[in-house]
Amino acid sequence: LVRLFRFVRLYRMKQLSHVLQYNARVSLLWFTMIRNFGVTLALTHVEACFMYFLARLNSFDDSTWLGPAVKGMTGFERYITSLYLSIVTFCTVGYGDFSPANSIEQIF
């Protein structure tokens, strides 16, 4: 319950964003680029965590996108692999070496 107070930070970030957007001393180009990068970073992180959760929900069996590749990976390597899939999903059309394997992953 205490962790829900972190959402107050999001409201403060929105207020700060609004103030900086109309500040004459801040370049609108740089403000927009940094804001968009932050939003993209947050969205790729959320998708990476969700795709990892879906693979973990099925115990990393062969029917998941991560499949048997997870054996021998550390937690950090699993996150980086999930982040890689997320970035590739957002930026390109093809997946290459990783792709959604079961229906739940394909729907997402």
PDB file of N, CA and C in Angstrom:
ATOM      1  N   LEU A   1       0.823  -1.198   0.000  1.00  0.00           N
ATOM      2  CA  LEU A   1       0.000   0.000   0.000  1.00  0.00           C
ATOM      3  C   LEU A   1       0.863   1.256   0.000  1.00  0.00           C
ATOM      4  N   VAL A   2       1.976   1.187   0.734  1.00  0.00           N
ATOM      5  CA  VAL A   2       2.868   2.336   0.796  1.00  0.00           C
ATOM      6  C   VAL A   2       3.490   2.604  -0.574  1.00  0.00           C
ATOM      7  N   ARG A   3       3.702   1.562  -1.339  1.00  0.00           N
ATOM      8  CA  ARG A   3       4.313   1.715  -2.657  1.00  0.00           C
ATOM      9  C   ARG A   3       3.413   2.468  -3.629  1.00  0.00           C
ATOM     10  N   LEU A   4       2.135   2.499  -3.351  1.00  0.00           N
ATOM     11  CA  LEU A   4       1.222   3.225  -4.230  1.00  0.00           C
ATOM     12  C   LEU A   4       1.475   4.729  -4.199  1.00  0.00           C
ATOM     13  N   PHE A   5       2.118   5.192  -3.153  1.00  0.00           N
ATOM     14  CA  PHE A   5       2.441   6.610  -3.078  1.00  0.00           C
ATOM     15  C   PHE A   5       3.471   7.021  -4.126  1.00  0.00           C
ATOM     16  N   ARG A   6       4.116   6.042  -4.737  1.00  0.00           N
ATOM     17  CA  ARG A   6       5.069   6.354  -5.809  1.00  0.00           C
ATOM     18  C   ARG A   6       4.363   6.947  -7.018  1.00  0.00           C
ATOM     19  N   PHE A   7       3.073   6.663  -7.150  1.00  0.00           N
ATOM     20  CA  PHE A   7       2.326   7.249  -8.261  1.00  0.00           C
ATOM     21  C   PHE A   7       2.208   8.760  -8.127  1.00  0.00           C
ATOM     22  N   VAL A   8       2.402   9.274  -6.924  1.00  0.00           N
ATOM     23  CA  VAL A   8       2.415  10.722  -6.727  1.00  0.00           C
ATOM     24  C   VAL A   8       3.578  11.322  -7.499  1.00  0.00           C
ATOM     25  N   ARG A   9       4.669  10.590  -7.585  1.00  0.00           N
ATOM     26  CA  ARG A   9       5.827  11.065  -8.350  1.00  0.00           C
ATOM     27  C   ARG A   9       5.472  11.262  -9.819  1.00  0.00           C
ATOM     28  N   LEU A  10       4.654  10.357 -10.354  1.00  0.00           N
ATOM     29  CA  LEU A  10       4.238  10.513 -11.746  1.00  0.00           C
ATOM     30  C   LEU A  10       3.468  11.803 -11.942  1.00  0.00           C
ATOM     31  N   TYR A  11       2.625  12.147 -10.991  1.00  0.00           N
ATOM     32  CA  TYR A  11       1.871  13.392 -11.079  1.00  0.00           C
ATOM     33  C   TYR A  11       2.817  14.584 -11.014  1.00  0.00           C
ATOM     34  N   ARG A  12       3.813  14.505 -10.135  1.00  0.00           N
ATOM     35  CA  ARG A  12       4.792  15.594 -10.049  1.00  0.00           C
ATOM     36  C   ARG A  12       5.610  15.713 -11.327  1.00  0.00           C
ATOM     37  N   MET A  13       5.949  14.566 -11.936  1.00  0.00           N
ATOM     38  CA  MET A  13       6.689  14.590 -13.201  1.00  0.00           C
ATOM     39  C   MET A  13       5.856  15.254 -14.296  1.00  0.00           C
ATOM     40  N   LYS A  14       4.562  14.991 -14.294  1.00  0.00           N
ATOM     41  CA  LYS A  14       3.679  15.623 -15.272  1.00  0.00           C
ATOM     42  C   LYS A  14       3.640  17.131 -15.055  1.00  0.00           C
ATOM     43  N   GLN A  15       3.586  17.576 -13.802  1.00  0.00           N
ATOM     44  CA  GLN A  15       3.598  19.002 -13.511  1.00  0.00           C
ATOM     45  C   GLN A  15       4.920  19.636 -13.938  1.00  0.00           C
ATOM     46  N   LEU A  16       6.028  18.964 -13.637  1.00  0.00           N
ATOM     47  CA  LEU A  16       7.337  19.469 -14.041  1.00  0.00           C
ATOM     48  C   LEU A  16       7.432  19.544 -15.555  1.00  0.00           C
ATOM     49  N   SER A  17       6.932  18.545 -16.228  1.00  0.00           N
ATOM     50  CA  SER A  17       6.939  18.531 -17.682  1.00  0.00           C
ATOM     51  C   SER A  17       6.156  19.712 -18.237  1.00  0.00           C
ATOM     52  N   HIS A  18       5.030  19.993 -17.648  1.00  0.00           N
ATOM     53  CA  HIS A  18       4.199  21.112 -18.113  1.00  0.00           C
ATOM     54  C   HIS A  18       4.918  22.445 -17.896  1.00  0.00           C
ATOM     55  N   VAL A  19       5.580  22.599 -16.752  1.00  0.00           N
ATOM     56  CA  VAL A  19       6.304  23.835 -16.458  1.00  0.00           C
ATOM     57  C   VAL A  19       7.476  24.004 -17.414  1.00  0.00           C
ATOM     58  N   LEU A  20       8.251  22.946 -17.644  1.00  0.00           N
ATOM     59  CA  LEU A  20       9.423  23.046 -18.522  1.00  0.00           C
ATOM     60  C   LEU A  20       9.039  23.259 -19.977  1.00  0.00           C
ATOM     61  N   GLN A  21       7.891  22.743 -20.372  1.00  0.00           N
ATOM     62  CA  GLN A  21       7.473  22.876 -21.766  1.00  0.00           C
ATOM     63  C   GLN A  21       7.267  24.339 -22.146  1.00  0.00           C
ATOM     64  N   TYR A  22       6.798  25.131 -21.218  1.00  0.00           N
ATOM     65  CA  TYR A  22       6.523  26.541 -21.517  1.00  0.00           C
ATOM     66  C   TYR A  22       7.564  27.482 -20.949  1.00  0.00           C
ATOM     67  N   ASN A  23       8.685  26.958 -20.503  1.00  0.00           N
ATOM     68  CA  ASN A  23       9.779  27.769 -20.001  1.00  0.00           C
ATOM     69  C   ASN A  23      10.622  28.240 -21.180  1.00  0.00           C
ATOM     70  N   ALA A  24      10.877  29.534 -21.257  1.00  0.00           N
ATOM     71  CA  ALA A  24      11.610  30.103 -22.395  1.00  0.00           C
ATOM     72  C   ALA A  24      13.092  29.728 -22.373  1.00  0.00           C
ATOM     73  N   ARG A  25      13.616  29.369 -21.214  1.00  0.00           N
ATOM     74  CA  ARG A  25      15.039  29.049 -21.117  1.00  0.00           C
ATOM     75  C   ARG A  25      15.351  27.608 -21.514  1.00  0.00           C
ATOM     76  N   VAL A  26      14.338  26.788 -21.694  1.00  0.00           N
ATOM     77  CA  VAL A  26      14.532  25.389 -22.057  1.00  0.00           C
ATOM     78  C   VAL A  26      14.162  25.223 -23.527  1.00  0.00           C
ATOM     79  N   SER A  27      15.086  24.666 -24.290  1.00  0.00           N
ATOM     80  CA  SER A  27      14.834  24.431 -25.706  1.00  0.00           C
ATOM     81  C   SER A  27      13.714  23.400 -25.869  1.00  0.00           C
ATOM     82  N   LEU A  28      12.710  23.748 -26.635  1.00  0.00           N
ATOM     83  CA  LEU A  28      11.576  22.846 -26.829  1.00  0.00           C
ATOM     84  C   LEU A  28      12.009  21.572 -27.555  1.00  0.00           C
ATOM     85  N   LEU A  29      12.990  21.693 -28.454  1.00  0.00           N
ATOM     86  CA  LEU A  29      13.493  20.521 -29.165  1.00  0.00           C
ATOM     87  C   LEU A  29      14.120  19.523 -28.191  1.00  0.00           C
ATOM     88  N   TRP A  30      15.022  19.998 -27.322  1.00  0.00           N
ATOM     89  CA  TRP A  30      15.679  19.104 -26.370  1.00  0.00           C
ATOM     90  C   TRP A  30      14.700  18.554 -25.350  1.00  0.00           C
ATOM     91  N   PHE A  31      13.775  19.388 -24.918  1.00  0.00           N
ATOM     92  CA  PHE A  31      12.767  18.928 -23.970  1.00  0.00           C
ATOM     93  C   PHE A  31      11.949  17.796 -24.578  1.00  0.00           C
ATOM     94  N   THR A  32      11.519  17.964 -25.820  1.00  0.00           N
ATOM     95  CA  THR A  32      10.714  16.944 -26.491  1.00  0.00           C
ATOM     96  C   THR A  32      11.505  15.665 -26.704  1.00  0.00           C
ATOM     97  N   MET A  33      12.765  15.783 -27.099  1.00  0.00           N
ATOM     98  CA  MET A  33      13.587  14.593 -27.320  1.00  0.00           C
ATOM     99  C   MET A  33      13.810  13.812 -26.023  1.00  0.00           C
ATOM    100  N   ILE A  34      14.117  14.507 -24.945  1.00  0.00           N
ATOM    101  CA  ILE A  34      14.358  13.837 -23.666  1.00  0.00           C
ATOM    102  C   ILE A  34      13.067  13.224 -23.133  1.00  0.00           C
ATOM    103  N   ARG A  35      11.957  13.944 -23.256  1.00  0.00           N
ATOM    104  CA  ARG A  35      10.671  13.411 -22.797  1.00  0.00           C
ATOM    105  C   ARG A  35      10.295  12.156 -23.579  1.00  0.00           C
ATOM    106  N   ASN A  36      10.434  12.202 -24.899  1.00  0.00           N
ATOM    107  CA  ASN A  36      10.083  11.044 -25.724  1.00  0.00           C
ATOM    108  C   ASN A  36      11.004   9.854 -25.454  1.00  0.00           C
ATOM    109  N   PHE A  37      12.282  10.113 -25.211  1.00  0.00           N
ATOM    110  CA  PHE A  37      13.209   9.040 -24.874  1.00  0.00           C
ATOM    111  C   PHE A  37      12.814   8.392 -23.551  1.00  0.00           C
ATOM    112  N   GLY A  38      12.440   9.197 -22.575  1.00  0.00           N
ATOM    113  CA  GLY A  38      12.023   8.662 -21.282  1.00  0.00           C
ATOM    114  C   GLY A  38      10.770   7.811 -21.384  1.00  0.00           C
ATOM    115  N   VAL A  39       9.809   8.270 -22.164  1.00  0.00           N
ATOM    116  CA  VAL A  39       8.579   7.509 -22.347  1.00  0.00           C
ATOM    117  C   VAL A  39       8.873   6.196 -23.066  1.00  0.00           C
ATOM    118  N   THR A  40       9.707   6.245 -24.091  1.00  0.00           N
ATOM    119  CA  THR A  40      10.074   5.032 -24.823  1.00  0.00           C
ATOM    120  C   THR A  40      10.815   4.047 -23.930  1.00  0.00           C
ATOM    121  N   LEU A  41      11.714   4.555 -23.116  1.00  0.00           N
ATOM    122  CA  LEU A  41      12.453   3.704 -22.189  1.00  0.00           C
ATOM    123  C   LEU A  41      11.510   3.035 -21.200  1.00  0.00           C
ATOM    124  N   ALA A  42      10.558   3.791 -20.671  1.00  0.00           N
ATOM    125  CA  ALA A  42       9.600   3.221 -19.723  1.00  0.00           C
ATOM    126  C   ALA A  42       8.722   2.165 -20.387  1.00  0.00           C
ATOM    127  N   LEU A  43       8.260   2.432 -21.601  1.00  0.00           N
ATOM    128  CA  LEU A  43       7.396   1.475 -22.294  1.00  0.00           C
ATOM    129  C   LEU A  43       8.145   0.189 -22.658  1.00  0.00           C
ATOM    130  N   THR A  44       9.392   0.312 -23.095  1.00  0.00           N
ATOM    131  CA  THR A  44      10.157  -0.899 -23.414  1.00  0.00           C
ATOM    132  C   THR A  44      10.432  -1.712 -22.154  1.00  0.00           C
ATOM    133  N   HIS A  45      10.667  -1.036 -21.037  1.00  0.00           N
ATOM    134  CA  HIS A  45      10.877  -1.744 -19.769  1.00  0.00           C
ATOM    135  C   HIS A  45       9.617  -2.510 -19.363  1.00  0.00           C
ATOM    136  N   VAL A  46       8.470  -1.865 -19.463  1.00  0.00           N
ATOM    137  CA  VAL A  46       7.211  -2.517 -19.078  1.00  0.00           C
ATOM    138  C   VAL A  46       6.941  -3.714 -19.985  1.00  0.00           C
ATOM    139  N   GLU A  47       7.141  -3.545 -21.292  1.00  0.00           N
ATOM    140  CA  GLU A  47       6.915  -4.675 -22.199  1.00  0.00           C
ATOM    141  C   GLU A  47       7.908  -5.807 -21.942  1.00  0.00           C
ATOM    142  N   ALA A  48       9.161  -5.471 -21.658  1.00  0.00           N
ATOM    143  CA  ALA A  48      10.157  -6.513 -21.369  1.00  0.00           C
ATOM    144  C   ALA A  48       9.768  -7.296 -20.124  1.00  0.00           C
ATOM    145  N   CYS A  49       9.322  -6.605 -19.097  1.00  0.00           N
ATOM    146  CA  CYS A  49       8.898  -7.300 -17.876  1.00  0.00           C
ATOM    147  C   CYS A  49       7.662  -8.154 -18.143  1.00  0.00           C
ATOM    148  N   PHE A  50       6.737  -7.652 -18.938  1.00  0.00           N
ATOM    149  CA  PHE A  50       5.520  -8.412 -19.230  1.00  0.00           C
ATOM    150  C   PHE A  50       5.831  -9.648 -20.070  1.00  0.00           C
ATOM    151  N   MET A  51       6.686  -9.520 -21.067  1.00  0.00           N
ATOM    152  CA  MET A  51       7.037 -10.681 -21.893  1.00  0.00           C
ATOM    153  C   MET A  51       7.802 -11.726 -21.075  1.00  0.00           C
ATOM    154  N   TYR A  52       8.657 -11.274 -20.172  1.00  0.00           N
ATOM    155  CA  TYR A  52       9.359 -12.209 -19.284  1.00  0.00           C
ATOM    156  C   TYR A  52       8.361 -12.921 -18.374  1.00  0.00           C
ATOM    157  N   PHE A  53       7.391 -12.152 -17.868  1.00  0.00           N
ATOM    158  CA  PHE A  53       6.361 -12.750 -17.012  1.00  0.00           C
ATOM    159  C   PHE A  53       5.572 -13.813 -17.764  1.00  0.00           C
ATOM    160  N   LEU A  54       5.232 -13.549 -19.027  1.00  0.00           N
ATOM    161  CA  LEU A  54       4.488 -14.536 -19.813  1.00  0.00           C
ATOM    162  C   LEU A  54       5.304 -15.805 -20.032  1.00  0.00           C
ATOM    163  N   ALA A  55       6.599 -15.663 -20.279  1.00  0.00           N
ATOM    164  CA  ALA A  55       7.446 -16.842 -20.453  1.00  0.00           C
ATOM    165  C   ALA A  55       7.596 -17.592 -19.134  1.00  0.00           C
ATOM    166  N   ARG A  56       7.711 -16.853 -18.052  1.00  0.00           N
ATOM    167  CA  ARG A  56       7.861 -17.493 -16.744  1.00  0.00           C
ATOM    168  C   ARG A  56       6.563 -18.178 -16.321  1.00  0.00           C
ATOM    169  N   LEU A  57       5.436 -17.616 -16.721  1.00  0.00           N
ATOM    170  CA  LEU A  57       4.135 -18.203 -16.403  1.00  0.00           C
ATOM    171  C   LEU A  57       4.015 -19.613 -16.962  1.00  0.00           C
ATOM    172  N   ASN A  58       4.645 -19.864 -18.104  1.00  0.00           N
ATOM    173  CA  ASN A  58       4.651 -21.187 -18.728  1.00  0.00           C
ATOM    174  C   ASN A  58       5.913 -21.974 -18.403  1.00  0.00           C
ATOM    175  N   SER A  59       6.619 -21.606 -17.360  1.00  0.00           N
ATOM    176  CA  SER A  59       7.815 -22.300 -16.863  1.00  0.00           C
ATOM    177  C   SER A  59       8.938 -22.397 -17.894  1.00  0.00           C
ATOM    178  N   PHE A  60       9.041 -21.424 -18.766  1.00  0.00           N
ATOM    179  CA  PHE A  60      10.101 -21.360 -19.772  1.00  0.00           C
ATOM    180  C   PHE A  60      10.187 -22.630 -20.617  1.00  0.00           C
ATOM    181  N   ASP A  61       9.061 -23.246 -20.900  1.00  0.00           N
ATOM    182  CA  ASP A  61       9.106 -24.465 -21.716  1.00  0.00           C
ATOM    183  C   ASP A  61       9.295 -24.096 -23.188  1.00  0.00           C
ATOM    184  N   ASP A  62       9.319 -25.086 -24.050  1.00  0.00           N
ATOM    185  CA  ASP A  62       9.606 -24.855 -25.469  1.00  0.00           C
ATOM    186  C   ASP A  62       8.512 -24.064 -26.186  1.00  0.00           C
ATOM    187  N   SER A  63       7.337 -23.928 -25.566  1.00  0.00           N
ATOM    188  CA  SER A  63       6.261 -23.200 -26.222  1.00  0.00           C
ATOM    189  C   SER A  63       6.320 -21.702 -25.953  1.00  0.00           C
ATOM    190  N   THR A  64       7.336 -21.220 -25.252  1.00  0.00           N
ATOM    191  CA  THR A  64       7.466 -19.786 -24.990  1.00  0.00           C
ATOM    192  C   THR A  64       8.530 -19.182 -25.896  1.00  0.00           C
ATOM    193  N   TRP A  65       8.557 -17.856 -25.957  1.00  0.00           N
ATOM    194  CA  TRP A  65       9.515 -17.178 -26.834  1.00  0.00           C
ATOM    195  C   TRP A  65      10.937 -17.358 -26.344  1.00  0.00           C
ATOM    196  N   LEU A  66      11.125 -17.478 -25.052  1.00  0.00           N
ATOM    197  CA  LEU A  66      12.469 -17.641 -24.499  1.00  0.00           C
ATOM    198  C   LEU A  66      12.908 -19.092 -24.526  1.00  0.00           C
ATOM    199  N   GLY A  67      11.967 -19.980 -24.283  1.00  0.00           N
ATOM    200  CA  GLY A  67      12.193 -21.416 -24.430  1.00  0.00           C
ATOM    201  C   GLY A  67      13.392 -21.953 -23.684  1.00  0.00           C
ATOM    202  N   PRO A  68      14.095 -22.894 -24.294  1.00  0.00           N
ATOM    203  CA  PRO A  68      15.227 -23.531 -23.610  1.00  0.00           C
ATOM    204  C   PRO A  68      16.457 -22.630 -23.504  1.00  0.00           C
ATOM    205  N   ALA A  69      16.433 -21.463 -24.140  1.00  0.00           N
ATOM    206  CA  ALA A  69      17.589 -20.561 -24.069  1.00  0.00           C
ATOM    207  C   ALA A  69      17.801 -20.006 -22.667  1.00  0.00           C
ATOM    208  N   VAL A  70      16.788 -20.105 -21.817  1.00  0.00           N
ATOM    209  CA  VAL A  70      16.872 -19.530 -20.481  1.00  0.00           C
ATOM    210  C   VAL A  70      17.787 -20.321 -19.555  1.00  0.00           C
ATOM    211  N   LYS A  71      18.006 -21.570 -19.848  1.00  0.00           N
ATOM    212  CA  LYS A  71      18.849 -22.394 -18.986  1.00  0.00           C
ATOM    213  C   LYS A  71      20.292 -21.881 -19.002  1.00  0.00           C
ATOM    214  N   GLY A  72      20.819 -21.645 -17.849  1.00  0.00           N
ATOM    215  CA  GLY A  72      22.178 -21.145 -17.737  1.00  0.00           C
ATOM    216  C   GLY A  72      22.282 -19.628 -17.757  1.00  0.00           C
ATOM    217  N   MET A  73      21.169 -18.925 -17.915  1.00  0.00           N
ATOM    218  CA  MET A  73      21.197 -17.457 -17.920  1.00  0.00           C
ATOM    219  C   MET A  73      21.004 -16.935 -16.501  1.00  0.00           C
ATOM    220  N   THR A  74      21.671 -15.828 -16.218  1.00  0.00           N
ATOM    221  CA  THR A  74      21.434 -15.156 -14.941  1.00  0.00           C
ATOM    222  C   THR A  74      20.170 -14.311 -15.076  1.00  0.00           C
ATOM    223  N   GLY A  75      19.700 -13.772 -13.971  1.00  0.00           N
ATOM    224  CA  GLY A  75      18.518 -12.918 -14.005  1.00  0.00           C
ATOM    225  C   GLY A  75      18.736 -11.677 -14.854  1.00  0.00           C
ATOM    226  N   PHE A  76      19.931 -11.112 -14.776  1.00  0.00           N
ATOM    227  CA  PHE A  76      20.245  -9.926 -15.573  1.00  0.00           C
ATOM    228  C   PHE A  76      20.243 -10.258 -17.062  1.00  0.00           C
ATOM    229  N   GLU A  77      20.810 -11.394 -17.434  1.00  0.00           N
ATOM    230  CA  GLU A  77      20.819 -11.799 -18.847  1.00  0.00           C
ATOM    231  C   GLU A  77      19.403 -12.048 -19.356  1.00  0.00           C
ATOM    232  N   ARG A  78      18.537 -12.589 -18.512  1.00  0.00           N
ATOM    233  CA  ARG A  78      17.140 -12.785 -18.902  1.00  0.00           C
ATOM    234  C   ARG A  78      16.449 -11.453 -19.139  1.00  0.00           C
ATOM    235  N   TYR A  79      16.714 -10.479 -18.264  1.00  0.00           N
ATOM    236  CA  TYR A  79      16.118  -9.153 -18.440  1.00  0.00           C
ATOM    237  C   TYR A  79      16.630  -8.496 -19.718  1.00  0.00           C
ATOM    238  N   ILE A  80      17.922  -8.580 -19.976  1.00  0.00           N
ATOM    239  CA  ILE A  80      18.496  -7.984 -21.181  1.00  0.00           C
ATOM    240  C   ILE A  80      17.902  -8.634 -22.425  1.00  0.00           C
ATOM    241  N   THR A  81      17.715  -9.953 -22.409  1.00  0.00           N
ATOM    242  CA  THR A  81      17.095 -10.648 -23.535  1.00  0.00           C
ATOM    243  C   THR A  81      15.654 -10.188 -23.724  1.00  0.00           C
ATOM    244  N   SER A  82      14.927 -10.011 -22.636  1.00  0.00           N
ATOM    245  CA  SER A  82      13.557  -9.513 -22.720  1.00  0.00           C
ATOM    246  C   SER A  82      13.532  -8.076 -23.223  1.00  0.00           C
ATOM    247  N   LEU A  83      14.470  -7.266 -22.762  1.00  0.00           N
ATOM    248  CA  LEU A  83      14.553  -5.883 -23.226  1.00  0.00           C
ATOM    249  C   LEU A  83      14.907  -5.833 -24.714  1.00  0.00           C
ATOM    250  N   TYR A  84      15.776  -6.735 -25.142  1.00  0.00           N
ATOM    251  CA  TYR A  84      16.132  -6.826 -26.556  1.00  0.00           C
ATOM    252  C   TYR A  84      14.898  -7.128 -27.403  1.00  0.00           C
ATOM    253  N   LEU A  85      14.089  -8.101 -26.974  1.00  0.00           N
ATOM    254  CA  LEU A  85      12.866  -8.428 -27.701  1.00  0.00           C
ATOM    255  C   LEU A  85      11.927  -7.232 -27.741  1.00  0.00           C
ATOM    256  N   SER A  86      11.823  -6.526 -26.634  1.00  0.00           N
ATOM    257  CA  SER A  86      10.948  -5.369 -26.563  1.00  0.00           C
ATOM    258  C   SER A  86      11.404  -4.260 -27.510  1.00  0.00           C
ATOM    259  N   ILE A  87      12.678  -3.972 -27.534  1.00  0.00           N
ATOM    260  CA  ILE A  87      13.201  -2.923 -28.410  1.00  0.00           C
ATOM    261  C   ILE A  87      13.048  -3.320 -29.869  1.00  0.00           C
ATOM    262  N   VAL A  88      13.329  -4.568 -30.184  1.00  0.00           N
ATOM    263  CA  VAL A  88      13.170  -5.050 -31.556  1.00  0.00           C
ATOM    264  C   VAL A  88      11.706  -4.986 -31.972  1.00  0.00           C
ATOM    265  N   THR A  89      10.807  -5.293 -31.052  1.00  0.00           N
ATOM    266  CA  THR A  89       9.381  -5.227 -31.356  1.00  0.00           C
ATOM    267  C   THR A  89       8.955  -3.798 -31.653  1.00  0.00           C
ATOM    268  N   PHE A  90       9.441  -2.841 -30.866  1.00  0.00           N
ATOM    269  CA  PHE A  90       9.057  -1.444 -31.078  1.00  0.00           C
ATOM    270  C   PHE A  90       9.702  -0.834 -32.317  1.00  0.00           C
ATOM    271  N   CYS A  91      10.907  -1.239 -32.650  1.00  0.00           N
ATOM    272  CA  CYS A  91      11.678  -0.535 -33.674  1.00  0.00           C
ATOM    273  C   CYS A  91      11.647  -1.168 -35.061  1.00  0.00           C
ATOM    274  N   THR A  92      11.378  -2.458 -35.167  1.00  0.00           N
ATOM    275  CA  THR A  92      11.477  -3.117 -36.464  1.00  0.00           C
ATOM    276  C   THR A  92      10.234  -3.937 -36.738  1.00  0.00           C
ATOM    277  N   VAL A  93      10.202  -4.523 -37.917  1.00  0.00           N
ATOM    278  CA  VAL A  93       9.089  -5.376 -38.306  1.00  0.00           C
ATOM    279  C   VAL A  93       9.372  -6.820 -37.939  1.00  0.00           C
ATOM    280  N   GLY A  94      10.576  -7.298 -38.174  1.00  0.00           N
ATOM    281  CA  GLY A  94      10.918  -8.698 -37.925  1.00  0.00           C
ATOM    282  C   GLY A  94      11.532  -8.889 -36.568  1.00  0.00           C
ATOM    283  N   TYR A  95      11.480 -10.118 -36.080  1.00  0.00           N
ATOM    284  CA  TYR A  95      12.027 -10.432 -34.773  1.00  0.00           C
ATOM    285  C   TYR A  95      13.428 -11.022 -34.849  1.00  0.00           C
ATOM    286  N   GLY A  96      13.724 -11.797 -35.871  1.00  0.00           N
ATOM    287  CA  GLY A  96      15.040 -12.398 -35.960  1.00  0.00           C
ATOM    288  C   GLY A  96      15.149 -13.642 -35.114  1.00  0.00           C
ATOM    289  N   ASP A  97      16.003 -13.599 -34.091  1.00  0.00           N
ATOM    290  CA  ASP A  97      16.280 -14.804 -33.320  1.00  0.00           C
ATOM    291  C   ASP A  97      15.258 -15.113 -32.233  1.00  0.00           C
ATOM    292  N   PHE A  98      14.484 -14.154 -31.771  1.00  0.00           N
ATOM    293  CA  PHE A  98      13.434 -14.396 -30.783  1.00  0.00           C
ATOM    294  C   PHE A  98      12.106 -13.949 -31.357  1.00  0.00           C
ATOM    295  N   SER A  99      11.086 -14.741 -31.138  1.00  0.00           N
ATOM    296  CA  SER A  99       9.749 -14.364 -31.582  1.00  0.00           C
ATOM    297  C   SER A  99       8.723 -14.972 -30.642  1.00  0.00           C
ATOM    298  N   PRO A 100       7.536 -14.356 -30.542  1.00  0.00           N
ATOM    299  CA  PRO A 100       6.497 -14.929 -29.688  1.00  0.00           C
ATOM    300  C   PRO A 100       6.128 -16.328 -30.167  1.00  0.00           C
ATOM    301  N   ALA A 101       6.039 -17.278 -29.238  1.00  0.00           N
ATOM    302  CA  ALA A 101       5.848 -18.668 -29.630  1.00  0.00           C
ATOM    303  C   ALA A 101       4.450 -19.195 -29.342  1.00  0.00           C
ATOM    304  N   ASN A 102       3.819 -18.758 -28.246  1.00  0.00           N
ATOM    305  CA  ASN A 102       2.481 -19.273 -27.970  1.00  0.00           C
ATOM    306  C   ASN A 102       1.443 -18.178 -28.177  1.00  0.00           C
ATOM    307  N   SER A 103       0.183 -18.525 -28.063  1.00  0.00           N
ATOM    308  CA  SER A 103      -0.889 -17.594 -28.414  1.00  0.00           C
ATOM    309  C   SER A 103      -0.951 -16.395 -27.466  1.00  0.00           C
ATOM    310  N   ILE A 104      -0.656 -16.586 -26.199  1.00  0.00           N
ATOM    311  CA  ILE A 104      -0.703 -15.459 -25.260  1.00  0.00           C
ATOM    312  C   ILE A 104       0.355 -14.420 -25.630  1.00  0.00           C
ATOM    313  N   GLU A 105       1.560 -14.867 -25.949  1.00  0.00           N
ATOM    314  CA  GLU A 105       2.632 -13.947 -26.325  1.00  0.00           C
ATOM    315  C   GLU A 105       2.312 -13.268 -27.648  1.00  0.00           C
ATOM    316  N   GLN A 106       1.715 -13.974 -28.574  1.00  0.00           N
ATOM    317  CA  GLN A 106       1.387 -13.392 -29.878  1.00  0.00           C
ATOM    318  C   GLN A 106       0.293 -12.339 -29.749  1.00  0.00           C
ATOM    319  N   ILE A 107      -0.660 -12.543 -28.844  1.00  0.00           N
ATOM    320  CA  ILE A 107      -1.716 -11.556 -28.642  1.00  0.00           C
ATOM    321  C   ILE A 107      -1.127 -10.265 -28.090  1.00  0.00           C
ATOM    322  N   PHE A 108      -0.193 -10.385 -27.159  1.00  0.00           N
ATOM    323  CA  PHE A 108       0.399  -9.177 -26.576  1.00  0.00           C
ATOM    324  C   PHE A 108       1.254  -8.478 -27.623  1.00  0.00           C
TER     325      PHE A 108
END
